Amino acid sequence: MGQTTSRTWLVWRLATVAMTLLAACSASGGDRGVNAPSRASHSAARQGACPPEVRLLPTRTARESSEAMAINAKGWVAGWLAGPGPRDKRRAVLWRDSGPPLDLGVNGMPVDINDDGVIAIQGFENGRSHLWKDGTLHRLLGTQSRSGTIVASLNDHGVVVGSVFGTYGARASSARAAVWRKEKVRILRRPSEGSRRGEYFGQDINNSGLVIGYLDRPEVSYGPSHWWRTDGRDGALSTGDTDRGFATHVDDRGRVVGFVGARSEDDPPGPIIKWRSVRSEPKKVLDRGYRLTAVHPDSGHVVGWRDGDNRRAFLAQLSGSRPILLPDPPDLDGFDAHTTQAWGVATGRNPYAANGGITAVGSTFFDTPDYVSRAVLWTCAQNVR
């Protein structure tokens, strides 16, 4: 989990990335825009020592697309690069110390990076997931009957949460929430409110070993949420006055965050909600129309995007403060940014933010003929006006 809690309603997130890849083809302009100031920085004079800035992270070639998915306390950013061809694979990469992207040696999408620099990477080939640490890849294995793996988050102790599932076909087996400690998998106990054959999934884990996840319930868009502790305890999260409360993240204070699920697949999700603990009732934090993707483990900052024709990245607080819409990045060879979305958040000083403050990472699409995506980093984001 580190300085960024893995963002994701995982299935939705993987689908979003898949659409990103279909849309992202040739890029032009190489690293133009790296370290370029935001168009909102005209107000820097009244921002004191921490003026907001937005930049594009470098790619290896001018025609690659990219996306930043997570950031830790050191300012290390995990994400992916992909070539312009429709068959080009996403390569997991790491941006660190303001340097060029480091290839992590595997195709896939990083979903989290902890403060030790360990990266959880979701593969898309045969359900293979990996951990990257100190230049070495480690395959995360499932069980004999459920060899496929999905990773969603990891904490600063290196404990990974996700799911295992069976191979597709006539003898396919359903998904189970799981944790990996020292690369050894353990299936979490089946929730008592679930059916004997129903699937259940792991979503997030904090540094105290609190895991949140959800059950599959086909009759609604999202199933009921559940919590587990690595010491063996578990229980259901209250849905309060709605039967559609869906948890996605947990921070180190034990606060759980999620949203009110839509009544059908054709409807947008409802407001962002927060549980003060796994024993409390959910309360609304943000109105309908915001998609939350990451929660800082301690500060209460959240990021994501606001829905609309022009999707916009935002920064907000669990206290319910008014969301800040983050600025568009510099033009790319004369093409404007079409949408922005934030996937990770960190606090404090790092190589990109010498004055500290809030740093968010994410991606943008440009109105190029091929609708290219690029990784974006916002610094001193709390001072955006």
Protein backbone atom coordinates (compact mmCIF):
# COMPACT_ATOMS: atom_id res chain seq x y z
CA MET A 1 0.00 0.00 0.00
CA GLY A 2 2.89 2.35 0.81
CA GLN A 3 2.13 6.00 0.13
CA THR A 4 -0.53 4.97 -2.31
CA THR A 5 -3.29 2.49 -1.73
CA SER A 6 -4.06 0.42 -4.76
CA ARG A 7 -6.71 2.13 -6.46
CA THR A 8 -9.09 -0.03 -8.02
CA TRP A 9 -12.37 -1.61 -8.44
CA LEU A 10 -10.15 -4.19 -10.07
CA VAL A 11 -12.32 -5.64 -12.80
CA TRP A 12 -13.48 -2.16 -13.82
CA ARG A 13 -9.93 -0.88 -13.69
CA LEU A 14 -8.53 -3.65 -15.87
CA ALA A 15 -11.31 -3.01 -18.37
CA THR A 16 -10.43 0.70 -18.36
CA VAL A 17 -6.79 -0.08 -19.06
CA ALA A 18 -7.78 -2.42 -21.86
CA MET A 19 -9.77 0.37 -23.50
CA THR A 20 -6.80 2.68 -22.99
CA LEU A 21 -4.59 0.30 -24.92
CA LEU A 22 -7.05 -0.02 -27.76
CA ALA A 23 -7.17 3.75 -28.02
CA ALA A 24 -3.45 4.44 -27.60
CA CYS A 25 -1.37 4.17 -30.73
CA SER A 26 1.33 6.41 -32.11
CA ALA A 27 2.65 9.30 -30.03
CA SER A 28 4.68 12.18 -31.30
CA GLY A 29 6.93 14.70 -29.67
CA GLY A 30 9.03 12.34 -27.53
CA ASP A 31 9.65 13.88 -24.12
CA ARG A 32 8.41 17.32 -24.98
CA GLY A 33 6.52 18.69 -22.00
CA VAL A 34 8.64 16.99 -19.33
CA ASN A 35 9.13 19.48 -16.50
CA ALA A 36 6.96 21.98 -18.37
CA PRO A 37 4.87 24.20 -16.09
CA SER A 38 1.11 23.92 -15.88
CA ARG A 39 -1.09 26.43 -17.63
CA ALA A 40 -2.50 27.04 -14.16
CA SER A 41 0.89 28.10 -12.79
CA HIS A 42 0.21 31.79 -13.55
CA SER A 43 -1.07 31.86 -9.95
CA ALA A 44 2.28 30.61 -8.60
CA ALA A 45 3.07 33.99 -7.08
CA ARG A 46 0.25 33.57 -4.60
CA GLN A 47 1.01 29.91 -3.87
CA GLY A 48 4.07 30.63 -1.75
CA ALA A 49 6.92 28.13 -1.77
CA CYS A 50 4.87 25.33 -3.32
CA PRO A 51 3.45 26.33 -6.71
CA PRO A 52 1.44 23.64 -8.50
CA GLU A 53 3.03 22.03 -11.53
CA VAL A 54 2.03 19.33 -14.00
CA ARG A 55 4.38 17.40 -16.26
CA LEU A 56 4.49 14.49 -18.63
CA LEU A 57 6.74 11.62 -17.60
CA PRO A 58 9.27 10.60 -20.24
CA THR A 59 8.82 7.74 -22.66
CA ARG A 60 11.62 5.83 -24.37
CA THR A 61 10.55 6.78 -27.88
CA ALA A 62 8.41 9.51 -29.40
CA ARG A 63 5.65 7.12 -30.45
CA GLU A 64 4.96 5.28 -27.18
CA SER A 65 1.90 5.63 -24.98
CA SER A 66 2.18 5.46 -21.20
CA GLU A 67 0.23 5.57 -17.96
CA ALA A 68 1.29 6.14 -14.33
CA MET A 69 -0.59 3.85 -11.93
CA ALA A 70 1.00 4.25 -8.48
CA ILE A 71 3.51 6.33 -6.48
CA ASN A 72 5.26 5.71 -3.16
CA ALA A 73 6.80 7.96 -0.48
CA LYS A 74 10.12 8.14 -2.36
CA GLY A 75 8.41 9.48 -5.45
CA TRP A 76 8.94 6.25 -7.38
CA VAL A 77 6.21 5.95 -10.01
CA ALA A 78 5.08 2.59 -11.38
CA GLY A 79 3.25 2.35 -14.68
CA TRP A 80 3.45 1.00 -18.20
CA LEU A 81 4.61 1.84 -21.72
CA ALA A 82 3.24 0.51 -24.99
CA GLY A 83 4.35 0.90 -28.58
CA PRO A 84 2.15 2.37 -31.30
CA GLY A 85 1.14 -0.93 -32.89
CA PRO A 86 -2.18 -2.60 -31.98
CA ARG A 87 -0.28 -5.77 -31.07
CA ASP A 88 2.38 -4.04 -28.99
CA LYS A 89 2.30 -5.25 -25.39
CA ARG A 90 2.26 -3.07 -22.31
CA ARG A 91 5.61 -3.23 -20.54
CA ALA A 92 5.66 -2.58 -16.80
CA VAL A 93 8.06 0.27 -16.01
CA LEU A 94 9.33 2.35 -13.09
CA TRP A 95 10.15 6.05 -13.13
CA ARG A 96 12.45 6.99 -10.26
CA ASP A 97 14.82 9.80 -9.27
CA SER A 98 13.59 11.90 -12.21
CA GLY A 99 15.23 9.43 -14.60
CA PRO A 100 14.00 7.64 -17.72
CA PRO A 101 11.61 4.69 -17.39
CA LEU A 102 13.16 1.43 -16.18
CA ASP A 103 11.80 -1.70 -17.87
CA LEU A 104 10.71 -4.18 -15.18
CA GLY A 105 11.10 -7.19 -17.45
CA VAL A 106 7.49 -8.26 -17.88
CA ASN A 107 4.34 -7.40 -19.80
CA GLY A 108 1.58 -6.20 -17.51
CA MET A 109 0.12 -3.38 -15.44
CA PRO A 110 1.59 -2.34 -12.07
CA VAL A 111 -1.24 -1.93 -9.59
CA ASP A 112 0.71 -0.83 -6.50
CA ILE A 113 4.15 0.10 -5.18
CA ASN A 114 5.07 0.16 -1.50
CA ASP A 115 7.59 2.34 0.32
CA ASP A 116 10.32 -0.32 -0.06
CA GLY A 117 9.94 -0.12 -3.83
CA VAL A 118 8.22 -3.50 -4.18
CA ILE A 119 5.81 -3.45 -7.13
CA ALA A 120 2.77 -5.68 -7.67
CA ILE A 121 2.20 -6.30 -11.38
CA GLN A 122 -0.97 -7.71 -12.91
CA GLY A 123 -0.30 -9.79 -15.99
CA PHE A 124 -2.85 -10.37 -18.73
CA GLU A 125 -1.49 -13.62 -20.11
CA ASN A 126 -2.83 -16.79 -18.47
CA GLY A 127 -3.58 -14.99 -15.19
CA ARG A 128 0.07 -14.51 -14.25
CA SER A 129 0.98 -11.91 -11.63
CA HIS A 130 4.41 -10.87 -10.35
CA LEU A 131 6.24 -8.95 -7.67
CA TRP A 132 9.24 -6.85 -8.69
CA LYS A 133 11.85 -6.14 -6.01
CA ASP A 134 15.42 -4.86 -6.35
CA GLY A 135 15.56 -5.74 -10.02
CA THR A 136 14.18 -9.28 -9.64
CA LEU A 137 10.79 -10.62 -10.70
CA HIS A 138 8.95 -13.15 -8.52
CA ARG A 139 5.96 -15.06 -9.89
CA LEU A 140 2.95 -15.18 -7.56
CA LEU A 141 1.43 -18.65 -7.76
CA GLY A 142 -2.13 -19.70 -7.09
CA THR A 143 -3.30 -23.11 -5.89
CA GLN A 144 -3.49 -26.39 -7.74
CA SER A 145 -7.17 -25.91 -8.60
CA ARG A 146 -6.97 -22.13 -9.01
CA SER A 147 -3.71 -21.33 -10.75
CA GLY A 148 -4.80 -17.96 -12.17
CA THR A 149 -3.96 -14.90 -10.07
CA ILE A 150 -5.18 -11.31 -9.84
CA VAL A 151 -3.25 -8.81 -7.69
CA ALA A 152 -4.91 -5.66 -6.38
CA SER A 153 -2.76 -4.14 -3.61
CA LEU A 154 0.20 -4.67 -1.28
CA ASN A 155 1.25 -3.11 2.01
CA ASP A 156 4.62 -1.93 3.33
CA HIS A 157 5.28 -5.39 4.81
CA GLY A 158 5.11 -6.90 1.34
CA VAL A 159 1.78 -8.67 1.91
CA VAL A 160 -0.22 -8.81 -1.33
CA VAL A 161 -3.98 -9.10 -1.65
CA GLY A 162 -5.94 -10.22 -4.68
CA SER A 163 -7.73 -13.30 -5.94
CA VAL A 164 -7.09 -16.73 -7.42
CA PHE A 165 -9.26 -18.39 -10.02
CA GLY A 166 -9.46 -21.59 -12.04
CA THR A 167 -8.65 -22.01 -15.68
CA TYR A 168 -11.37 -21.30 -18.19
CA GLY A 169 -13.32 -24.16 -19.69
CA ALA A 170 -15.64 -26.92 -18.63
CA ARG A 171 -13.83 -27.46 -15.33
CA ALA A 172 -13.34 -23.80 -14.46
CA SER A 173 -13.42 -23.00 -10.73
CA SER A 174 -14.68 -19.78 -9.19
CA ALA A 175 -12.55 -16.96 -7.80
CA ARG A 176 -11.45 -16.73 -4.15
CA ALA A 177 -9.92 -13.81 -2.27
CA ALA A 178 -6.31 -14.50 -1.32
CA VAL A 179 -3.22 -12.99 0.28
CA TRP A 180 0.43 -13.71 -0.41
CA ARG A 181 2.99 -13.41 2.38
CA LYS A 182 6.60 -14.07 1.37
CA GLU A 183 5.12 -15.24 -1.94
CA LYS A 184 3.11 -18.02 -0.22
CA VAL A 185 -0.59 -17.93 -1.06
CA ARG A 186 -3.40 -18.30 1.47
CA ILE A 187 -7.10 -18.39 0.57
CA LEU A 188 -9.23 -16.13 2.76
CA ARG A 189 -12.23 -17.66 4.49
CA ARG A 190 -15.47 -17.74 2.53
CA PRO A 191 -17.86 -15.04 3.81
CA SER A 192 -20.80 -16.50 5.68
CA GLU A 193 -23.22 -14.30 3.73
CA GLY A 194 -22.06 -15.75 0.42
CA SER A 195 -23.36 -18.79 -1.38
CA ARG A 196 -21.37 -22.02 -1.27
CA ARG A 197 -20.34 -21.68 -4.90
CA GLY A 198 -20.23 -17.87 -5.09
CA GLU A 199 -17.06 -15.98 -5.95
CA TYR A 200 -15.38 -13.44 -3.68
CA PHE A 201 -12.47 -11.09 -4.32
CA GLY A 202 -9.74 -9.24 -2.41
CA GLN A 203 -9.45 -5.50 -3.08
CA ASP A 204 -7.09 -3.75 -0.65
CA ILE A 205 -4.92 -4.25 2.45
CA ASN A 206 -3.45 -1.82 4.98
CA ASN A 207 -0.30 -2.06 7.10
CA SER A 208 -2.24 -3.58 10.01
CA GLY A 209 -3.34 -6.53 7.88
CA LEU A 210 -6.93 -5.41 7.37
CA VAL A 211 -8.23 -6.67 4.02
CA ILE A 212 -11.39 -5.52 2.29
CA GLY A 213 -13.08 -7.17 -0.66
CA TYR A 214 -16.44 -8.13 -2.02
CA LEU A 215 -18.72 -11.00 -2.98
CA ASP A 216 -20.08 -11.61 -6.43
CA ARG A 217 -23.83 -11.07 -6.55
CA PRO A 218 -25.11 -11.39 -10.13
CA GLU A 219 -28.44 -9.66 -9.50
CA VAL A 220 -26.76 -6.26 -8.84
CA SER A 221 -23.87 -4.35 -10.40
CA TYR A 222 -21.63 -4.88 -7.35
CA GLY A 223 -21.79 -7.46 -4.61
CA PRO A 224 -21.77 -6.78 -0.83
CA SER A 225 -18.42 -5.92 0.74
CA HIS A 226 -16.55 -7.94 3.34
CA TRP A 227 -13.46 -7.54 5.54
CA TRP A 228 -10.83 -9.96 6.76
CA ARG A 229 -7.87 -9.70 9.10
CA THR A 230 -4.76 -11.72 8.54
CA ASP A 231 -5.19 -13.19 12.05
CA GLY A 232 -8.31 -15.01 10.81
CA ARG A 233 -11.19 -12.73 11.82
CA ASP A 234 -13.69 -11.50 9.22
CA GLY A 235 -17.10 -9.93 8.86
CA ALA A 236 -19.53 -8.10 6.61
CA LEU A 237 -19.45 -4.34 6.09
CA SER A 238 -22.69 -2.55 6.85
CA THR A 239 -24.48 -1.03 3.88
CA GLY A 240 -26.32 1.49 6.06
CA ASP A 241 -29.42 2.90 4.43
CA THR A 242 -28.44 1.50 1.04
CA ASP A 243 -28.10 -2.10 -0.06
CA ARG A 244 -25.49 -1.14 -2.65
CA GLY A 245 -22.53 0.10 -0.59
CA PHE A 246 -19.32 -1.19 -2.20
CA ALA A 247 -15.89 -0.85 -0.51
CA THR A 248 -12.73 -0.36 -2.57
CA HIS A 249 -9.98 0.99 -0.27
CA VAL A 250 -8.79 0.93 3.33
CA ASP A 251 -6.21 3.24 4.94
CA ASP A 252 -3.87 2.74 7.88
CA ARG A 253 -6.38 4.33 10.26
CA GLY A 254 -8.88 1.61 9.43
CA ARG A 255 -11.11 3.94 7.41
CA VAL A 256 -12.80 2.17 4.53
CA VAL A 257 -13.82 4.02 1.39
CA GLY A 258 -16.03 3.03 -1.52
CA PHE A 259 -19.12 4.07 -3.40
CA VAL A 260 -22.82 3.40 -3.77
CA GLY A 261 -23.22 0.93 -6.62
CA ALA A 262 -25.49 1.59 -9.56
CA ARG A 263 -28.86 -0.11 -9.74
CA SER A 264 -28.00 -1.50 -13.15
CA GLU A 265 -25.03 -1.71 -15.47
CA ASP A 266 -26.42 1.16 -17.55
CA ASP A 267 -26.52 3.59 -14.59
CA PRO A 268 -23.54 5.60 -13.23
CA PRO A 269 -22.26 4.81 -9.72
CA GLY A 270 -23.59 6.78 -6.79
CA PRO A 271 -21.79 8.97 -4.22
CA ILE A 272 -18.40 8.19 -2.66
CA ILE A 273 -18.89 6.85 0.89
CA LYS A 274 -16.70 6.25 3.95
CA TRP A 275 -16.82 3.86 6.90
CA ARG A 276 -14.89 5.15 9.95
CA SER A 277 -14.17 1.51 10.80
CA VAL A 278 -15.37 -1.92 9.70
CA ARG A 279 -17.98 -1.72 12.49
CA SER A 280 -19.49 1.64 11.50
CA GLU A 281 -22.19 2.80 9.12
CA PRO A 282 -21.19 4.41 5.79
CA LYS A 283 -21.46 8.18 5.32
CA LYS A 284 -21.35 10.18 2.09
CA VAL A 285 -18.07 11.97 1.33
CA LEU A 286 -18.46 13.12 -2.30
CA ASP A 287 -21.49 13.53 -4.51
CA ARG A 288 -22.37 11.33 -7.46
CA GLY A 289 -20.20 11.82 -10.53
CA TYR A 290 -16.74 11.19 -9.00
CA ARG A 291 -14.75 7.99 -9.53
CA LEU A 292 -12.33 7.30 -6.68
CA THR A 293 -9.17 5.36 -7.55
CA ALA A 294 -6.68 5.86 -4.67
CA VAL A 295 -6.61 6.74 -0.98
CA HIS A 296 -3.49 7.91 0.83
CA PRO A 297 -2.77 5.54 3.75
CA ASP A 298 -2.58 8.28 6.38
CA SER A 299 -3.41 11.81 5.22
CA GLY A 300 -6.94 11.13 4.01
CA HIS A 301 -6.30 12.48 0.50
CA VAL A 302 -8.13 10.75 -2.32
CA VAL A 303 -7.81 11.00 -6.09
CA GLY A 304 -9.69 9.83 -9.13
CA TRP A 305 -11.67 11.60 -11.81
CA ARG A 306 -14.89 13.46 -12.36
CA ASP A 307 -17.16 11.94 -14.97
CA GLY A 308 -18.33 13.93 -17.95
CA ASP A 309 -17.67 14.54 -21.61
CA ASN A 310 -14.18 15.73 -20.64
CA ARG A 311 -13.06 13.49 -17.80
CA ARG A 312 -11.01 15.46 -15.24
CA ALA A 313 -8.63 14.22 -12.54
CA PHE A 314 -9.38 15.43 -9.02
CA LEU A 315 -7.90 15.62 -5.51
CA ALA A 316 -10.10 15.64 -2.39
CA GLN A 317 -10.12 14.83 1.34
CA LEU A 318 -12.00 12.16 3.28
CA SER A 319 -13.24 14.97 5.50
CA GLY A 320 -15.53 15.90 2.63
CA SER A 321 -13.77 19.06 1.44
CA ARG A 322 -14.63 20.35 -2.01
CA PRO A 323 -12.72 18.40 -4.70
CA ILE A 324 -9.93 20.18 -6.60
CA LEU A 325 -9.89 19.56 -10.34
CA LEU A 326 -6.29 19.04 -11.42
CA PRO A 327 -5.00 21.04 -14.41
CA ASP A 328 -4.39 19.73 -17.89
CA PRO A 329 -0.77 18.92 -18.83
CA PRO A 330 1.17 20.84 -21.49
CA ASP A 331 0.18 20.37 -25.12
CA LEU A 332 1.84 17.51 -26.97
CA ASP A 333 3.13 18.80 -30.30
CA GLY A 334 0.25 21.24 -30.48
CA PHE A 335 -2.45 18.75 -29.47
CA ASP A 336 -4.55 19.50 -26.39
CA ALA A 337 -5.24 17.06 -23.56
CA HIS A 338 -8.71 15.59 -23.96
CA THR A 339 -9.18 13.85 -20.59
CA THR A 340 -7.18 13.34 -17.38
CA GLN A 341 -7.47 10.69 -14.68
CA ALA A 342 -5.49 10.25 -11.44
CA TRP A 343 -4.47 6.80 -10.19
CA GLY A 344 -2.13 7.44 -7.24
CA VAL A 345 -1.31 9.97 -4.51
CA ALA A 346 1.67 10.62 -2.21
CA THR A 347 2.74 13.28 0.30
CA GLY A 348 6.04 14.91 1.19
CA ARG A 349 9.25 15.69 -0.64
CA ASN A 350 10.41 13.59 -3.57
CA PRO A 351 12.60 14.12 -6.66
CA TYR A 352 9.66 15.70 -8.46
CA ALA A 353 8.43 17.79 -5.51
CA ALA A 354 11.35 19.54 -3.82
CA ASN A 355 8.98 21.59 -1.67
CA GLY A 356 6.83 18.67 -0.59
CA GLY A 357 3.05 18.84 -0.63
CA ILE A 358 0.69 16.48 -2.41
CA THR A 359 1.81 14.62 -5.55
CA ALA A 360 -0.67 12.81 -7.77
CA VAL A 361 0.01 10.57 -10.77
CA GLY A 362 -2.19 9.39 -13.58
CA SER A 363 -2.66 9.71 -17.30
CA THR A 364 -4.09 11.84 -20.05
CA PHE A 365 -5.30 11.39 -23.61
CA PHE A 366 -4.37 13.83 -26.32
CA ASP A 367 -6.50 14.76 -29.32
CA THR A 368 -3.99 13.33 -31.75
CA PRO A 369 -5.25 11.34 -34.75
CA ASP A 370 -4.48 8.17 -32.78
CA TYR A 371 -5.71 9.49 -29.38
CA VAL A 372 -2.43 8.79 -27.60
CA SER A 373 -2.12 8.47 -23.79
CA ARG A 374 0.76 9.73 -21.64
CA ALA A 375 1.70 9.39 -17.96
CA VAL A 376 1.14 12.58 -15.94
CA LEU A 377 2.46 13.82 -12.58
CA TRP A 378 0.98 16.71 -10.57
CA THR A 379 3.02 18.29 -7.72
CA CYS A 380 1.84 20.67 -5.00
CA ALA A 381 -1.61 19.60 -6.13
CA GLN A 382 -3.21 20.93 -2.95
CA ASN A 383 -2.50 24.49 -4.15
CA VAL A 384 -4.31 24.25 -7.46
CA ARG A 385 -6.88 27.03 -7.83
